[in-house]
């Protein structure tokens, strides 16, 4: 029974790291989208102001 718990431990660590990686990648994509959106708004404002 102790061997089963030890065998399940690496699998749970892999699952936990995969979940953390997925969450981190989704957060990075969301931040990149916001940076793109804000930059686009600033460029349009700049072009409208000086255009």
N, C-alpha and C. Protein backbone atom coordinates (compact mmCIF):
# COMPACT_ATOMS: atom_id res chain seq x y z
N UNK A 1 0.82 -1.19 0.00
CA UNK A 1 0.00 0.00 0.00
C UNK A 1 0.87 1.26 0.00
N UNK A 2 1.98 1.19 0.68
CA UNK A 2 2.89 2.33 0.71
C UNK A 2 3.52 2.54 -0.67
N UNK A 3 3.74 1.43 -1.38
CA UNK A 3 4.33 1.56 -2.72
C UNK A 3 3.37 2.27 -3.68
N UNK A 4 2.08 2.01 -3.55
CA UNK A 4 1.10 2.68 -4.40
C UNK A 4 1.11 4.18 -4.15
N UNK A 5 1.23 4.59 -2.91
CA UNK A 5 1.27 6.01 -2.59
C UNK A 5 2.53 6.64 -3.17
N UNK A 6 3.65 5.94 -3.08
CA UNK A 6 4.89 6.47 -3.64
C UNK A 6 4.84 6.53 -5.16
N UNK A 7 4.16 5.58 -5.79
CA UNK A 7 4.04 5.58 -7.25
C UNK A 7 3.10 6.69 -7.72
N UNK A 8 2.11 7.02 -6.92
CA UNK A 8 1.16 8.06 -7.31
C UNK A 8 1.74 9.45 -7.10
N UNK A 9 2.75 9.57 -6.25
CA UNK A 9 3.32 10.88 -5.94
C UNK A 9 3.93 11.57 -7.16
N UNK A 10 4.77 10.92 -7.98
CA UNK A 10 5.29 11.61 -9.16
C UNK A 10 4.20 12.01 -10.16
N UNK A 11 3.19 11.16 -10.27
CA UNK A 11 2.08 11.48 -11.19
C UNK A 11 1.34 12.73 -10.74
N UNK A 12 1.13 12.86 -9.45
CA UNK A 12 0.44 14.05 -8.96
C UNK A 12 1.32 15.28 -9.11
N UNK A 13 2.64 15.12 -8.95
CA UNK A 13 3.53 16.27 -9.16
C UNK A 13 3.52 16.69 -10.61
N UNK A 14 3.52 15.73 -11.53
CA UNK A 14 3.47 16.05 -12.96
C UNK A 14 2.15 16.74 -13.29
N UNK A 15 1.07 16.24 -12.72
CA UNK A 15 -0.24 16.86 -12.97
C UNK A 15 -0.29 18.28 -12.41
N UNK A 16 0.28 18.48 -11.22
CA UNK A 16 0.29 19.80 -10.63
C UNK A 16 1.14 20.78 -11.44
N UNK A 17 2.29 20.32 -11.91
CA UNK A 17 3.13 21.20 -12.74
C UNK A 17 2.48 21.50 -14.08
N UNK A 18 1.78 20.53 -14.65
CA UNK A 18 1.08 20.77 -15.91
C UNK A 18 -0.02 21.81 -15.71
N UNK A 19 -0.74 21.73 -14.60
CA UNK A 19 -1.79 22.71 -14.30
C UNK A 19 -1.19 24.10 -14.11
N UNK A 20 -0.05 24.17 -13.38
CA UNK A 20 0.60 25.46 -13.19
C UNK A 20 1.09 26.03 -14.52
N UNK A 21 1.64 25.19 -15.37
CA UNK A 21 2.11 25.66 -16.67
C UNK A 21 0.98 26.15 -17.55
N UNK A 22 -0.13 25.45 -17.53
CA UNK A 22 -1.28 25.87 -18.32
C UNK A 22 -1.83 27.20 -17.82
N UNK A 23 -1.93 27.34 -16.50
CA UNK A 23 -2.42 28.59 -15.93
C UNK A 23 -1.48 29.74 -16.26
N UNK A 24 -0.17 29.50 -16.16
CA UNK A 24 0.82 30.53 -16.46
C UNK A 24 0.76 30.94 -17.92
N UNK A 25 0.59 29.98 -18.82
CA UNK A 25 0.54 30.31 -20.24
C UNK A 25 -0.73 31.09 -20.58
N UNK A 26 -1.84 30.75 -19.98
CA UNK A 26 -3.08 31.50 -20.21
C UNK A 26 -2.95 32.92 -19.68
N UNK A 27 -2.30 33.06 -18.51
CA UNK A 27 -2.09 34.40 -17.94
C UNK A 27 -1.18 35.23 -18.84
N UNK A 28 -0.14 34.62 -19.39
CA UNK A 28 0.76 35.35 -20.29
C UNK A 28 0.05 35.78 -21.56
N UNK A 29 -0.78 34.91 -22.11
CA UNK A 29 -1.53 35.26 -23.32
C UNK A 29 -2.49 36.41 -23.03
N UNK A 30 -3.14 36.37 -21.87
CA UNK A 30 -4.06 37.46 -21.50
C UNK A 30 -3.31 38.78 -21.33
N UNK A 31 -2.16 38.73 -20.68
CA UNK A 31 -1.38 39.96 -20.50
C UNK A 31 -0.89 40.49 -21.83
N UNK A 32 -0.46 39.61 -22.73
CA UNK A 32 -0.01 40.06 -24.04
C UNK A 32 -1.16 40.70 -24.81
N UNK A 33 -2.36 40.16 -24.68
CA UNK A 33 -3.52 40.75 -25.33
C UNK A 33 -3.83 42.14 -24.81
N UNK A 34 -3.74 42.32 -23.49
CA UNK A 34 -3.98 43.64 -22.92
C UNK A 34 -2.92 44.64 -23.34
N UNK A 35 -1.66 44.20 -23.40
CA UNK A 35 -0.58 45.10 -23.83
C UNK A 35 -0.80 45.51 -25.28
N UNK A 36 -1.20 44.55 -26.13
CA UNK A 36 -1.48 44.87 -27.53
C UNK A 36 -2.64 45.86 -27.64
N UNK A 37 -3.70 45.63 -26.88
CA UNK A 37 -4.88 46.49 -26.92
C UNK A 37 -4.54 47.91 -26.47
N UNK A 38 -3.82 48.05 -25.38
CA UNK A 38 -3.45 49.38 -24.88
C UNK A 38 -2.50 50.08 -25.84
N UNK A 39 -1.55 49.33 -26.40
CA UNK A 39 -0.62 49.93 -27.37
C UNK A 39 -1.37 50.41 -28.61
N UNK A 40 -2.32 49.61 -29.08
CA UNK A 40 -3.11 50.00 -30.24
C UNK A 40 -3.90 51.28 -29.96
N UNK A 41 -4.49 51.37 -28.77
CA UNK A 41 -5.23 52.58 -28.41
C UNK A 41 -4.31 53.79 -28.34
N UNK A 42 -3.12 53.62 -27.76
CA UNK A 42 -2.18 54.74 -27.66
C UNK A 42 -1.68 55.19 -29.02
N UNK A 43 -1.43 54.25 -29.93
CA UNK A 43 -0.99 54.62 -31.27
C UNK A 43 -2.10 55.36 -32.01
N UNK A 44 -3.33 54.88 -31.88
CA UNK A 44 -4.45 55.59 -32.53
C UNK A 44 -4.63 56.99 -31.96
N UNK A 45 -4.50 57.12 -30.65
CA UNK A 45 -4.60 58.43 -30.03
C UNK A 45 -3.48 59.35 -30.50
N UNK A 46 -2.27 58.82 -30.59
CA UNK A 46 -1.13 59.59 -31.05
C UNK A 46 -1.33 60.05 -32.50
N UNK A 47 -1.79 59.12 -33.36
CA UNK A 47 -2.01 59.48 -34.77
C UNK A 47 -3.16 60.48 -34.92
N UNK A 48 -4.21 60.33 -34.08
CA UNK A 48 -5.33 61.27 -34.15
C UNK A 48 -4.91 62.66 -33.67
N UNK A 49 -4.07 62.69 -32.63
CA UNK A 49 -3.64 63.97 -32.06
C UNK A 49 -2.72 64.73 -33.01
N UNK A 50 -1.81 64.02 -33.68
CA UNK A 50 -0.85 64.68 -34.57
C UNK A 50 -1.24 64.60 -36.05
N UNK A 51 -2.34 63.94 -36.35
CA UNK A 51 -2.72 63.77 -37.73
C UNK A 51 -3.60 64.85 -38.30
